[in-house]
Amino acid sequence: RSILILVVLLLFSAFFSSCETAITSIGRGKLLAIQEKNPKRRKGI
């Protein structure tokens, strides 16, 4: 059970690290482009 929890925690760590890098490397123009391509993500963007 502890090992499974550890794996889940590592997945969340990978999630947060990838989000940080993606957000800081992407520009406002690309964010607006994503918004146009995917209207379902409009509120999130």
PDB file of all heavy atoms in Angstrom:
ATOM      1  N   ARG A   1       0.835  -1.199   0.000  1.00  0.00           N
ATOM      2  CA  ARG A   1       0.000   0.000   0.000  1.00  0.00           C
ATOM      3  C   ARG A   1       0.875   1.257   0.000  1.00  0.00           C
ATOM      4  O   ARG A   1       0.599   2.224  -0.714  1.00  0.00           O
ATOM      5  CB  ARG A   1      -0.923  -0.012   1.209  1.00  0.00           C
ATOM      6  CG  ARG A   1      -2.023   1.075   1.148  1.00  0.00           C
ATOM      7  CD  ARG A   1      -2.912   1.083   2.397  1.00  0.00           C
ATOM      8  NE  ARG A   1      -3.525  -0.208   2.626  1.00  0.00           N
ATOM      9  CZ  ARG A   1      -3.230  -1.030   3.623  1.00  0.00           C
ATOM     10  NH1 ARG A   1      -2.291  -0.671   4.517  1.00  0.00           N
ATOM     11  NH2 ARG A   1      -3.849  -2.190   3.765  1.00  0.00           N
ATOM     12  N   SER A   2       1.928   1.228   0.791  1.00  0.00           N
ATOM     13  CA  SER A   2       2.838   2.374   0.860  1.00  0.00           C
ATOM     14  C   SER A   2       3.537   2.600  -0.483  1.00  0.00           C
ATOM     15  O   SER A   2       3.724   3.742  -0.923  1.00  0.00           O
ATOM     16  CB  SER A   2       3.873   2.174   1.962  1.00  0.00           C
ATOM     17  OG  SER A   2       3.253   2.087   3.241  1.00  0.00           O
ATOM     18  N   ILE A   3       3.933   1.510  -1.135  1.00  0.00           N
ATOM     19  CA  ILE A   3       4.586   1.624  -2.438  1.00  0.00           C
ATOM     20  C   ILE A   3       3.633   2.214  -3.471  1.00  0.00           C
ATOM     21  O   ILE A   3       4.021   3.059  -4.286  1.00  0.00           O
ATOM     22  CB  ILE A   3       5.123   0.251  -2.901  1.00  0.00           C
ATOM     23  CG1 ILE A   3       6.262  -0.201  -1.977  1.00  0.00           C
ATOM     24  CG2 ILE A   3       5.603   0.313  -4.349  1.00  0.00           C
ATOM     25  CD1 ILE A   3       6.763  -1.606  -2.254  1.00  0.00           C
ATOM     26  N   LEU A   4       2.361   1.782  -3.440  1.00  0.00           N
ATOM     27  CA  LEU A   4       1.360   2.333  -4.359  1.00  0.00           C
ATOM     28  C   LEU A   4       1.156   3.827  -4.103  1.00  0.00           C
ATOM     29  O   LEU A   4       1.040   4.628  -5.044  1.00  0.00           O
ATOM     30  CB  LEU A   4       0.043   1.586  -4.221  1.00  0.00           C
ATOM     31  CG  LEU A   4       0.042   0.124  -4.705  1.00  0.00           C
ATOM     32  CD1 LEU A   4      -1.310  -0.544  -4.395  1.00  0.00           C
ATOM     33  CD2 LEU A   4       0.318   0.068  -6.205  1.00  0.00           C
ATOM     34  N   ILE A   5       1.112   4.184  -2.815  1.00  0.00           N
ATOM     35  CA  ILE A   5       0.977   5.606  -2.470  1.00  0.00           C
ATOM     36  C   ILE A   5       2.181   6.392  -2.977  1.00  0.00           C
ATOM     37  O   ILE A   5       2.054   7.499  -3.498  1.00  0.00           O
ATOM     38  CB  ILE A   5       0.814   5.776  -0.950  1.00  0.00           C
ATOM     39  CG1 ILE A   5      -0.517   5.172  -0.487  1.00  0.00           C
ATOM     40  CG2 ILE A   5       0.886   7.243  -0.558  1.00  0.00           C
ATOM     41  CD1 ILE A   5      -0.691   5.148   1.028  1.00  0.00           C
ATOM     42  N   LEU A   6       3.367   5.789  -2.844  1.00  0.00           N
ATOM     43  CA  LEU A   6       4.596   6.432  -3.307  1.00  0.00           C
ATOM     44  C   LEU A   6       4.551   6.670  -4.822  1.00  0.00           C
ATOM     45  O   LEU A   6       4.958   7.736  -5.307  1.00  0.00           O
ATOM     46  CB  LEU A   6       5.800   5.571  -2.932  1.00  0.00           C
ATOM     47  CG  LEU A   6       7.183   6.122  -3.323  1.00  0.00           C
ATOM     48  CD1 LEU A   6       7.438   7.465  -2.660  1.00  0.00           C
ATOM     49  CD2 LEU A   6       8.281   5.120  -2.951  1.00  0.00           C
ATOM     50  N   VAL A   7       4.064   5.688  -5.557  1.00  0.00           N
ATOM     51  CA  VAL A   7       3.939   5.820  -7.010  1.00  0.00           C
ATOM     52  C   VAL A   7       2.975   6.954  -7.373  1.00  0.00           C
ATOM     53  O   VAL A   7       3.251   7.763  -8.271  1.00  0.00           O
ATOM     54  CB  VAL A   7       3.483   4.494  -7.638  1.00  0.00           C
ATOM     55  CG1 VAL A   7       3.154   4.686  -9.116  1.00  0.00           C
ATOM     56  CG2 VAL A   7       4.548   3.420  -7.465  1.00  0.00           C
ATOM     57  N   VAL A   8       1.840   7.008  -6.667  1.00  0.00           N
ATOM     58  CA  VAL A   8       0.856   8.070  -6.921  1.00  0.00           C
ATOM     59  C   VAL A   8       1.464   9.444  -6.626  1.00  0.00           C
ATOM     60  O   VAL A   8       1.285  10.394  -7.382  1.00  0.00           O
ATOM     61  CB  VAL A   8      -0.409   7.839  -6.072  1.00  0.00           C
ATOM     62  CG1 VAL A   8      -1.365   9.039  -6.200  1.00  0.00           C
ATOM     63  CG2 VAL A   8      -1.124   6.564  -6.501  1.00  0.00           C
ATOM     64  N   LEU A   9       2.196   9.533  -5.532  1.00  0.00           N
ATOM     65  CA  LEU A   9       2.841  10.798  -5.173  1.00  0.00           C
ATOM     66  C   LEU A   9       3.870  11.213  -6.233  1.00  0.00           C
ATOM     67  O   LEU A   9       3.991  12.395  -6.565  1.00  0.00           O
ATOM     68  CB  LEU A   9       3.508  10.686  -3.804  1.00  0.00           C
ATOM     69  CG  LEU A   9       2.551  10.563  -2.605  1.00  0.00           C
ATOM     70  CD1 LEU A   9       3.324  10.279  -1.321  1.00  0.00           C
ATOM     71  CD2 LEU A   9       1.709  11.839  -2.449  1.00  0.00           C
ATOM     72  N   LEU A  10       4.621  10.250  -6.768  1.00  0.00           N
ATOM     73  CA  LEU A  10       5.580  10.545  -7.829  1.00  0.00           C
ATOM     74  C   LEU A  10       4.879  11.030  -9.095  1.00  0.00           C
ATOM     75  O   LEU A  10       5.376  11.913  -9.796  1.00  0.00           O
ATOM     76  CB  LEU A  10       6.438   9.316  -8.133  1.00  0.00           C
ATOM     77  CG  LEU A  10       7.506   8.971  -7.088  1.00  0.00           C
ATOM     78  CD1 LEU A  10       8.177   7.645  -7.447  1.00  0.00           C
ATOM     79  CD2 LEU A  10       8.549  10.077  -6.986  1.00  0.00           C
ATOM     80  N   LEU A  11       3.728  10.439  -9.390  1.00  0.00           N
ATOM     81  CA  LEU A  11       2.943  10.891 -10.548  1.00  0.00           C
ATOM     82  C   LEU A  11       2.484  12.340 -10.367  1.00  0.00           C
ATOM     83  O   LEU A  11       2.535  13.136 -11.313  1.00  0.00           O
ATOM     84  CB  LEU A  11       1.744   9.964 -10.766  1.00  0.00           C
ATOM     85  CG  LEU A  11       2.064   8.541 -11.260  1.00  0.00           C
ATOM     86  CD1 LEU A  11       0.790   7.704 -11.308  1.00  0.00           C
ATOM     87  CD2 LEU A  11       2.698   8.595 -12.645  1.00  0.00           C
ATOM     88  N   PHE A  12       2.044  12.674  -9.155  1.00  0.00           N
ATOM     89  CA  PHE A  12       1.643  14.051  -8.878  1.00  0.00           C
ATOM     90  C   PHE A  12       2.853  15.001  -8.949  1.00  0.00           C
ATOM     91  O   PHE A  12       2.743  16.131  -9.425  1.00  0.00           O
ATOM     92  CB  PHE A  12       0.962  14.149  -7.511  1.00  0.00           C
ATOM     93  CG  PHE A  12      -0.509  13.939  -7.552  1.00  0.00           C
ATOM     94  CD1 PHE A  12      -1.071  12.742  -7.150  1.00  0.00           C
ATOM     95  CD2 PHE A  12      -1.351  14.954  -8.010  1.00  0.00           C
ATOM     96  CE1 PHE A  12      -2.443  12.539  -7.192  1.00  0.00           C
ATOM     97  CE2 PHE A  12      -2.724  14.767  -8.054  1.00  0.00           C
ATOM     98  CZ  PHE A  12      -3.275  13.551  -7.646  1.00  0.00           C
ATOM     99  N   SER A  13       4.003  14.532  -8.468  1.00  0.00           N
ATOM    100  CA  SER A  13       5.216  15.346  -8.563  1.00  0.00           C
ATOM    101  C   SER A  13       5.575  15.623 -10.025  1.00  0.00           C
ATOM    102  O   SER A  13       5.933  16.748 -10.393  1.00  0.00           O
ATOM    103  CB  SER A  13       6.378  14.640  -7.861  1.00  0.00           C
ATOM    104  OG  SER A  13       7.572  15.401  -7.965  1.00  0.00           O
ATOM    105  N   ALA A  14       5.461  14.582 -10.859  1.00  0.00           N
ATOM    106  CA  ALA A  14       5.705  14.748 -12.290  1.00  0.00           C
ATOM    107  C   ALA A  14       4.687  15.706 -12.914  1.00  0.00           C
ATOM    108  O   ALA A  14       5.024  16.526 -13.772  1.00  0.00           O
ATOM    109  CB  ALA A  14       5.663  13.391 -12.985  1.00  0.00           C
ATOM    110  N   PHE A  15       3.441  15.599 -12.469  1.00  0.00           N
ATOM    111  CA  PHE A  15       2.375  16.481 -12.966  1.00  0.00           C
ATOM    112  C   PHE A  15       2.686  17.947 -12.656  1.00  0.00           C
ATOM    113  O   PHE A  15       2.632  18.813 -13.546  1.00  0.00           O
ATOM    114  CB  PHE A  15       1.039  16.073 -12.345  1.00  0.00           C
ATOM    115  CG  PHE A  15      -0.067  17.065 -12.558  1.00  0.00           C
ATOM    116  CD1 PHE A  15      -0.739  17.136 -13.766  1.00  0.00           C
ATOM    117  CD2 PHE A  15      -0.444  17.940 -11.534  1.00  0.00           C
ATOM    118  CE1 PHE A  15      -1.757  18.056 -13.958  1.00  0.00           C
ATOM    119  CE2 PHE A  15      -1.457  18.855 -11.718  1.00  0.00           C
ATOM    120  CZ  PHE A  15      -2.116  18.918 -12.927  1.00  0.00           C
ATOM    121  N   PHE A  16       3.023  18.234 -11.404  1.00  0.00           N
ATOM    122  CA  PHE A  16       3.302  19.607 -11.010  1.00  0.00           C
ATOM    123  C   PHE A  16       4.557  20.153 -11.713  1.00  0.00           C
ATOM    124  O   PHE A  16       4.579  21.309 -12.153  1.00  0.00           O
ATOM    125  CB  PHE A  16       3.459  19.706  -9.498  1.00  0.00           C
ATOM    126  CG  PHE A  16       2.170  19.568  -8.736  1.00  0.00           C
ATOM    127  CD1 PHE A  16       2.009  18.559  -7.786  1.00  0.00           C
ATOM    128  CD2 PHE A  16       1.118  20.436  -8.974  1.00  0.00           C
ATOM    129  CE1 PHE A  16       0.821  18.425  -7.086  1.00  0.00           C
ATOM    130  CE2 PHE A  16      -0.078  20.313  -8.262  1.00  0.00           C
ATOM    131  CZ  PHE A  16      -0.219  19.305  -7.319  1.00  0.00           C
ATOM    132  N   SER A  17       5.589  19.336 -11.835  1.00  0.00           N
ATOM    133  CA  SER A  17       6.825  19.785 -12.486  1.00  0.00           C
ATOM    134  C   SER A  17       6.597  20.089 -13.960  1.00  0.00           C
ATOM    135  O   SER A  17       7.088  21.094 -14.487  1.00  0.00           O
ATOM    136  CB  SER A  17       7.914  18.721 -12.337  1.00  0.00           C
ATOM    137  OG  SER A  17       8.264  18.537 -10.982  1.00  0.00           O
ATOM    138  N   SER A  18       5.858  19.227 -14.639  1.00  0.00           N
ATOM    139  CA  SER A  18       5.579  19.453 -16.058  1.00  0.00           C
ATOM    140  C   SER A  18       4.702  20.683 -16.256  1.00  0.00           C
ATOM    141  O   SER A  18       4.910  21.455 -17.201  1.00  0.00           O
ATOM    142  CB  SER A  18       4.920  18.223 -16.676  1.00  0.00           C
ATOM    143  OG  SER A  18       3.683  17.934 -16.038  1.00  0.00           O
ATOM    144  N   CYS A  19       3.735  20.898 -15.359  1.00  0.00           N
ATOM    145  CA  CYS A  19       2.878  22.078 -15.439  1.00  0.00           C
ATOM    146  C   CYS A  19       3.691  23.365 -15.272  1.00  0.00           C
ATOM    147  O   CYS A  19       3.501  24.335 -16.009  1.00  0.00           O
ATOM    148  CB  CYS A  19       1.782  22.025 -14.374  1.00  0.00           C
ATOM    149  SG  CYS A  19       0.462  20.859 -14.719  1.00  0.00           S
ATOM    150  N   GLU A  20       4.591  23.347 -14.302  1.00  0.00           N
ATOM    151  CA  GLU A  20       5.415  24.530 -14.057  1.00  0.00           C
ATOM    152  C   GLU A  20       6.254  24.888 -15.278  1.00  0.00           C
ATOM    153  O   GLU A  20       6.298  26.043 -15.702  1.00  0.00           O
ATOM    154  CB  GLU A  20       6.321  24.285 -12.847  1.00  0.00           C
ATOM    155  CG  GLU A  20       7.220  25.477 -12.515  1.00  0.00           C
ATOM    156  CD  GLU A  20       8.191  25.170 -11.392  1.00  0.00           C
ATOM    157  OE1 GLU A  20       8.275  23.989 -10.983  1.00  0.00           O
ATOM    158  OE2 GLU A  20       8.877  26.112 -10.936  1.00  0.00           O
ATOM    159  N   THR A  21       6.913  23.900 -15.858  1.00  0.00           N
ATOM    160  CA  THR A  21       7.757  24.143 -17.023  1.00  0.00           C
ATOM    161  C   THR A  21       6.941  24.582 -18.228  1.00  0.00           C
ATOM    162  O   THR A  21       7.317  25.505 -18.952  1.00  0.00           O
ATOM    163  CB  THR A  21       8.561  22.882 -17.366  1.00  0.00           C
ATOM    164  OG1 THR A  21       9.376  22.519 -16.252  1.00  0.00           O
ATOM    165  CG2 THR A  21       9.437  23.108 -18.583  1.00  0.00           C
ATOM    166  N   ALA A  22       5.812  23.930 -18.464  1.00  0.00           N
ATOM    167  CA  ALA A  22       4.975  24.256 -19.618  1.00  0.00           C
ATOM    168  C   ALA A  22       4.412  25.670 -19.514  1.00  0.00           C
ATOM    169  O   ALA A  22       4.423  26.441 -20.491  1.00  0.00           O
ATOM    170  CB  ALA A  22       3.832  23.246 -19.744  1.00  0.00           C
ATOM    171  N   ILE A  23       3.946  26.056 -18.326  1.00  0.00           N
ATOM    172  CA  ILE A  23       3.336  27.379 -18.149  1.00  0.00           C
ATOM    173  C   ILE A  23       4.375  28.482 -18.265  1.00  0.00           C
ATOM    174  O   ILE A  23       4.121  29.527 -18.878  1.00  0.00           O
ATOM    175  CB  ILE A  23       2.603  27.448 -16.796  1.00  0.00           C
ATOM    176  CG1 ILE A  23       1.366  26.541 -16.822  1.00  0.00           C
ATOM    177  CG2 ILE A  23       2.199  28.881 -16.459  1.00  0.00           C
ATOM    178  CD1 ILE A  23       0.662  26.427 -15.496  1.00  0.00           C
ATOM    179  N   THR A  24       5.553  28.284 -17.672  1.00  0.00           N
ATOM    180  CA  THR A  24       6.581  29.315 -17.709  1.00  0.00           C
ATOM    181  C   THR A  24       7.243  29.446 -19.074  1.00  0.00           C
ATOM    182  O   THR A  24       7.811  30.491 -19.390  1.00  0.00           O
ATOM    183  CB  THR A  24       7.664  29.040 -16.658  1.00  0.00           C
ATOM    184  OG1 THR A  24       8.178  27.707 -16.835  1.00  0.00           O
ATOM    185  CG2 THR A  24       7.099  29.195 -15.254  1.00  0.00           C
ATOM    186  N   SER A  25       7.202  28.391 -19.901  1.00  0.00           N
ATOM    187  CA  SER A  25       7.840  28.442 -21.213  1.00  0.00           C
ATOM    188  C   SER A  25       6.901  28.881 -22.321  1.00  0.00           C
ATOM    189  O   SER A  25       7.354  29.269 -23.395  1.00  0.00           O
ATOM    190  CB  SER A  25       8.430  27.071 -21.575  1.00  0.00           C
ATOM    191  OG  SER A  25       7.397  26.086 -21.683  1.00  0.00           O
ATOM    192  N   ILE A  26       5.607  28.828 -22.066  1.00  0.00           N
ATOM    193  CA  ILE A  26       4.630  29.184 -23.087  1.00  0.00           C
ATOM    194  C   ILE A  26       4.303  30.668 -22.991  1.00  0.00           C
ATOM    195  O   ILE A  26       4.357  31.267 -21.922  1.00  0.00           O
ATOM    196  CB  ILE A  26       3.356  28.320 -22.943  1.00  0.00           C
ATOM    197  CG1 ILE A  26       2.597  28.257 -24.265  1.00  0.00           C
ATOM    198  CG2 ILE A  26       2.467  28.858 -21.818  1.00  0.00           C
ATOM    199  CD1 ILE A  26       1.515  27.204 -24.282  1.00  0.00           C
ATOM    200  N   GLY A  27       4.004  31.290 -24.094  1.00  0.00           N
ATOM    201  CA  GLY A  27       3.691  32.706 -24.126  1.00  0.00           C
ATOM    202  C   GLY A  27       2.199  32.979 -24.184  1.00  0.00           C
ATOM    203  O   GLY A  27       1.384  32.075 -24.358  1.00  0.00           O
ATOM    204  N   ARG A  28       1.854  34.257 -24.019  1.00  0.00           N
ATOM    205  CA  ARG A  28       0.455  34.663 -24.060  1.00  0.00           C
ATOM    206  C   ARG A  28      -0.168  34.333 -25.414  1.00  0.00           C
ATOM    207  O   ARG A  28      -1.309  33.896 -25.494  1.00  0.00           O
ATOM    208  CB  ARG A  28       0.335  36.165 -23.791  1.00  0.00           C
ATOM    209  CG  ARG A  28      -1.097  36.677 -23.753  1.00  0.00           C
ATOM    210  CD  ARG A  28      -1.135  38.185 -23.618  1.00  0.00           C
ATOM    211  NE  ARG A  28      -2.497  38.699 -23.572  1.00  0.00           N
ATOM    212  CZ  ARG A  28      -3.173  38.901 -22.470  1.00  0.00           C
ATOM    213  NH1 ARG A  28      -2.598  38.665 -21.308  1.00  0.00           N
ATOM    214  NH2 ARG A  28      -4.402  39.355 -22.504  1.00  0.00           N
ATOM    215  N   GLY A  29       0.621  34.533 -26.478  1.00  0.00           N
ATOM    216  CA  GLY A  29       0.107  34.240 -27.818  1.00  0.00           C
ATOM    217  C   GLY A  29      -0.282  32.787 -27.974  1.00  0.00           C
ATOM    218  O   GLY A  29      -1.327  32.467 -28.539  1.00  0.00           O
ATOM    219  N   LYS A  30       0.568  31.876 -27.466  1.00  0.00           N
ATOM    220  CA  LYS A  30       0.260  30.451 -27.567  1.00  0.00           C
ATOM    221  C   LYS A  30      -0.942  30.080 -26.715  1.00  0.00           C
ATOM    222  O   LYS A  30      -1.731  29.215 -27.093  1.00  0.00           O
ATOM    223  CB  LYS A  30       1.483  29.616 -27.166  1.00  0.00           C
ATOM    224  CG  LYS A  30       2.534  29.493 -28.244  1.00  0.00           C
ATOM    225  CD  LYS A  30       3.535  28.418 -27.905  1.00  0.00           C
ATOM    226  CE  LYS A  30       4.504  28.185 -29.046  1.00  0.00           C
ATOM    227  NZ  LYS A  30       5.463  27.076 -28.760  1.00  0.00           N
ATOM    228  N   LEU A  31      -1.061  30.711 -25.546  1.00  0.00           N
ATOM    229  CA  LEU A  31      -2.222  30.443 -24.699  1.00  0.00           C
ATOM    230  C   LEU A  31      -3.516  30.830 -25.411  1.00  0.00           C
ATOM    231  O   LEU A  31      -4.505  30.098 -25.372  1.00  0.00           O
ATOM    232  CB  LEU A  31      -2.101  31.205 -23.381  1.00  0.00           C
ATOM    233  CG  LEU A  31      -1.078  30.669 -22.370  1.00  0.00           C
ATOM    234  CD1 LEU A  31      -0.971  31.609 -21.175  1.00  0.00           C
ATOM    235  CD2 LEU A  31      -1.449  29.271 -21.900  1.00  0.00           C
ATOM    236  N   LEU A  32      -3.500  31.979 -26.073  1.00  0.00           N
ATOM    237  CA  LEU A  32      -4.676  32.413 -26.824  1.00  0.00           C
ATOM    238  C   LEU A  32      -4.944  31.488 -28.003  1.00  0.00           C
ATOM    239  O   LEU A  32      -6.100  31.232 -28.356  1.00  0.00           O
ATOM    240  CB  LEU A  32      -4.494  33.852 -27.300  1.00  0.00           C
ATOM    241  CG  LEU A  32      -4.419  34.918 -26.197  1.00  0.00           C
ATOM    242  CD1 LEU A  32      -4.101  36.287 -26.786  1.00  0.00           C
ATOM    243  CD2 LEU A  32      -5.726  34.973 -25.408  1.00  0.00           C
ATOM    244  N   ALA A  33      -3.862  30.961 -28.633  1.00  0.00           N
ATOM    245  CA  ALA A  33      -4.024  30.023 -29.735  1.00  0.00           C
ATOM    246  C   ALA A  33      -4.655  28.723 -29.253  1.00  0.00           C
ATOM    247  O   ALA A  33      -5.523  28.149 -29.919  1.00  0.00           O
ATOM    248  CB  ALA A  33      -2.674  29.752 -30.394  1.00  0.00           C
ATOM    249  N   ILE A  34      -4.221  28.245 -28.085  1.00  0.00           N
ATOM    250  CA  ILE A  34      -4.820  27.046 -27.493  1.00  0.00           C
ATOM    251  C   ILE A  34      -6.293  27.273 -27.215  1.00  0.00           C
ATOM    252  O   ILE A  34      -7.144  26.408 -27.436  1.00  0.00           O
ATOM    253  CB  ILE A  34      -4.087  26.658 -26.204  1.00  0.00           C
ATOM    254  CG1 ILE A  34      -2.644  26.253 -26.502  1.00  0.00           C
ATOM    255  CG2 ILE A  34      -4.806  25.515 -25.485  1.00  0.00           C
ATOM    256  CD1 ILE A  34      -1.804  26.022 -25.261  1.00  0.00           C
ATOM    257  N   GLN A  35      -6.616  28.474 -26.740  1.00  0.00           N
ATOM    258  CA  GLN A  35      -8.002  28.829 -26.432  1.00  0.00           C
ATOM    259  C   GLN A  35      -8.876  28.780 -27.685  1.00  0.00           C
ATOM    260  O   GLN A  35     -10.027  28.338 -27.643  1.00  0.00           O
ATOM    261  CB  GLN A  35      -8.044  30.206 -25.791  1.00  0.00           C
ATOM    262  CG  GLN A  35      -9.362  30.560 -25.143  1.00  0.00           C
ATOM    263  CD  GLN A  35      -9.306  31.917 -24.487  1.00  0.00           C
ATOM    264  OE1 GLN A  35      -8.997  32.916 -25.120  1.00  0.00           O
ATOM    265  NE2 GLN A  35      -9.576  31.989 -23.194  1.00  0.00           N
ATOM    266  N   GLU A  36      -8.329  29.259 -28.804  1.00  0.00           N
ATOM    267  CA  GLU A  36      -9.090  29.245 -30.051  1.00  0.00           C
ATOM    268  C   GLU A  36      -9.278  27.827 -30.579  1.00  0.00           C
ATOM    269  O   GLU A  36     -10.338  27.489 -31.101  1.00  0.00           O
ATOM    270  CB  GLU A  36      -8.374  30.100 -31.098  1.00  0.00           C
ATOM    271  CG  GLU A  36      -8.412  31.592 -30.807  1.00  0.00           C
ATOM    272  CD  GLU A  36      -7.757  32.410 -31.896  1.00  0.00           C
ATOM    273  OE1 GLU A  36      -7.284  31.799 -32.880  1.00  0.00           O
ATOM    274  OE2 GLU A  36      -7.705  33.649 -31.766  1.00  0.00           O
ATOM    275  N   LYS A  37      -8.234  26.993 -30.458  1.00  0.00           N
ATOM    276  CA  LYS A  37      -8.323  25.619 -30.950  1.00  0.00           C
ATOM    277  C   LYS A  37      -9.221  24.748 -30.075  1.00  0.00           C
ATOM    278  O   LYS A  37      -9.852  23.815 -30.560  1.00  0.00           O
ATOM    279  CB  LYS A  37      -6.926  25.002 -31.025  1.00  0.00           C
ATOM    280  CG  LYS A  37      -6.025  25.637 -32.081  1.00  0.00           C
ATOM    281  CD  LYS A  37      -4.666  24.973 -32.092  1.00  0.00           C
ATOM    282  CE  LYS A  37      -3.733  25.602 -33.117  1.00  0.00           C
ATOM    283  NZ  LYS A  37      -2.387  24.968 -33.122  1.00  0.00           N
ATOM    284  N   ASN A  38      -9.251  25.053 -28.784  1.00  0.00           N
ATOM    285  CA  ASN A  38     -10.008  24.237 -27.839  1.00  0.00           C
ATOM    286  C   ASN A  38     -10.920  25.130 -27.001  1.00  0.00           C
ATOM    287  O   ASN A  38     -10.570  25.504 -25.877  1.00  0.00           O
ATOM    288  CB  ASN A  38      -9.054  23.444 -26.945  1.00  0.00           C
ATOM    289  CG  ASN A  38      -9.754  22.332 -26.195  1.00  0.00           C
ATOM    290  OD1 ASN A  38     -10.983  22.218 -26.186  1.00  0.00           O
ATOM    291  ND2 ASN A  38      -8.964  21.496 -25.555  1.00  0.00           N
ATOM    292  N   PRO A  39     -12.104  25.483 -27.513  1.00  0.00           N
ATOM    293  CA  PRO A  39     -13.014  26.366 -26.766  1.00  0.00           C
ATOM    294  C   PRO A  39     -13.422  25.820 -25.398  1.00  0.00           C
ATOM    295  O   PRO A  39     -13.785  26.599 -24.513  1.00  0.00           O
ATOM    296  CB  PRO A  39     -14.232  26.468 -27.699  1.00  0.00           C
ATOM    297  CG  PRO A  39     -13.729  26.106 -29.058  1.00  0.00           C
ATOM    298  CD  PRO A  39     -12.649  25.098 -28.825  1.00  0.00           C
ATOM    299  N   LYS A  40     -13.357  24.489 -25.201  1.00  0.00           N
ATOM    300  CA  LYS A  40     -13.725  23.905 -23.920  1.00  0.00           C
ATOM    301  C   LYS A  40     -12.765  24.336 -22.810  1.00  0.00           C
ATOM    302  O   LYS A  40     -13.121  24.268 -21.634  1.00  0.00           O
ATOM    303  CB  LYS A  40     -13.737  22.379 -24.024  1.00  0.00           C
ATOM    304  CG  LYS A  40     -14.807  21.822 -24.955  1.00  0.00           C
ATOM    305  CD  LYS A  40     -14.768  20.319 -24.986  1.00  0.00           C
ATOM    306  CE  LYS A  40     -15.848  19.749 -25.905  1.00  0.00           C
ATOM    307  NZ  LYS A  40     -15.811  18.259 -25.952  1.00  0.00           N
ATOM    308  N   ARG A  41     -11.585  24.746 -23.188  1.00  0.00           N
ATOM    309  CA  ARG A  41     -10.589  25.177 -22.212  1.00  0.00           C
ATOM    310  C   ARG A  41     -10.571  26.700 -22.036  1.00  0.00           C
ATOM    311  O   ARG A  41      -9.637  27.248 -21.448  1.00  0.00           O
ATOM    312  CB  ARG A  41      -9.196  24.706 -22.639  1.00  0.00           C
ATOM    313  CG  ARG A  41      -9.052  23.183 -22.686  1.00  0.00           C
ATOM    314  CD  ARG A  41      -8.970  22.605 -21.296  1.00  0.00           C
ATOM    315  NE  ARG A  41      -8.713  21.177 -21.332  1.00  0.00           N
ATOM    316  CZ  ARG A  41      -9.645  20.268 -21.193  1.00  0.00           C
ATOM    317  NH1 ARG A  41     -10.934  20.642 -21.026  1.00  0.00           N
ATOM    318  NH2 ARG A  41      -9.351  18.977 -21.229  1.00  0.00           N
ATOM    319  N   ARG A  42     -11.568  27.395 -22.561  1.00  0.00           N
ATOM    320  CA  ARG A  42     -11.576  28.854 -22.539  1.00  0.00           C
ATOM    321  C   ARG A  42     -11.504  29.406 -21.115  1.00  0.00           C
ATOM    322  O   ARG A  42     -10.710  30.301 -20.823  1.00  0.00           O
ATOM    323  CB  ARG A  42     -12.825  29.386 -23.250  1.00  0.00           C
ATOM    324  CG  ARG A  42     -12.914  30.921 -23.287  1.00  0.00           C
ATOM    325  CD  ARG A  42     -14.094  31.377 -24.122  1.00  0.00           C
ATOM    326  NE  ARG A  42     -13.944  30.951 -25.498  1.00  0.00           N
ATOM    327  CZ  ARG A  42     -13.226  31.632 -26.404  1.00  0.00           C
ATOM    328  NH1 ARG A  42     -12.622  32.758 -26.061  1.00  0.00           N
ATOM    329  NH2 ARG A  42     -13.132  31.183 -27.646  1.00  0.00           N
ATOM    330  N   LYS A  43     -12.348  28.873 -20.216  1.00  0.00           N
ATOM    331  CA  LYS A  43     -12.358  29.359 -18.833  1.00  0.00           C
ATOM    332  C   LYS A  43     -11.022  29.107 -18.141  1.00  0.00           C
ATOM    333  O   LYS A  43     -10.518  29.958 -17.402  1.00  0.00           O
ATOM    334  CB  LYS A  43     -13.502  28.701 -18.057  1.00  0.00           C
ATOM    335  CG  LYS A  43     -14.887  29.169 -18.490  1.00  0.00           C
ATOM    336  CD  LYS A  43     -15.959  28.554 -17.605  1.00  0.00           C
ATOM    337  CE  LYS A  43     -17.350  29.061 -18.000  1.00  0.00           C
ATOM    338  NZ  LYS A  43     -18.410  28.457 -17.135  1.00  0.00           N
ATOM    339  N   GLY A  44     -10.466  27.921 -18.374  1.00  0.00           N
ATOM    340  CA  GLY A  44      -9.189  27.600 -17.765  1.00  0.00           C
ATOM    341  C   GLY A  44      -8.065  28.503 -18.254  1.00  0.00           C
ATOM    342  O   GLY A  44      -7.239  28.971 -17.467  1.00  0.00           O
ATOM    343  N   ILE A  45      -8.037  28.772 -19.569  1.00  0.00           N
ATOM    344  CA  ILE A  45      -7.023  29.652 -20.131  1.00  0.00           C
ATOM    345  C   ILE A  45      -7.201  31.070 -19.598  1.00  0.00           C
ATOM    346  O   ILE A  45      -6.221  31.761 -19.281  1.00  0.00           O
ATOM    347  CB  ILE A  45      -7.071  29.637 -21.668  1.00  0.00           C
ATOM    348  CG1 ILE A  45      -6.768  28.229 -22.208  1.00  0.00           C
ATOM    349  CG2 ILE A  45      -6.092  30.649 -22.244  1.00  0.00           C
ATOM    350  CD1 ILE A  45      -5.397  27.734 -21.923  1.00  0.00           C
TER     351      ILE A  45
END
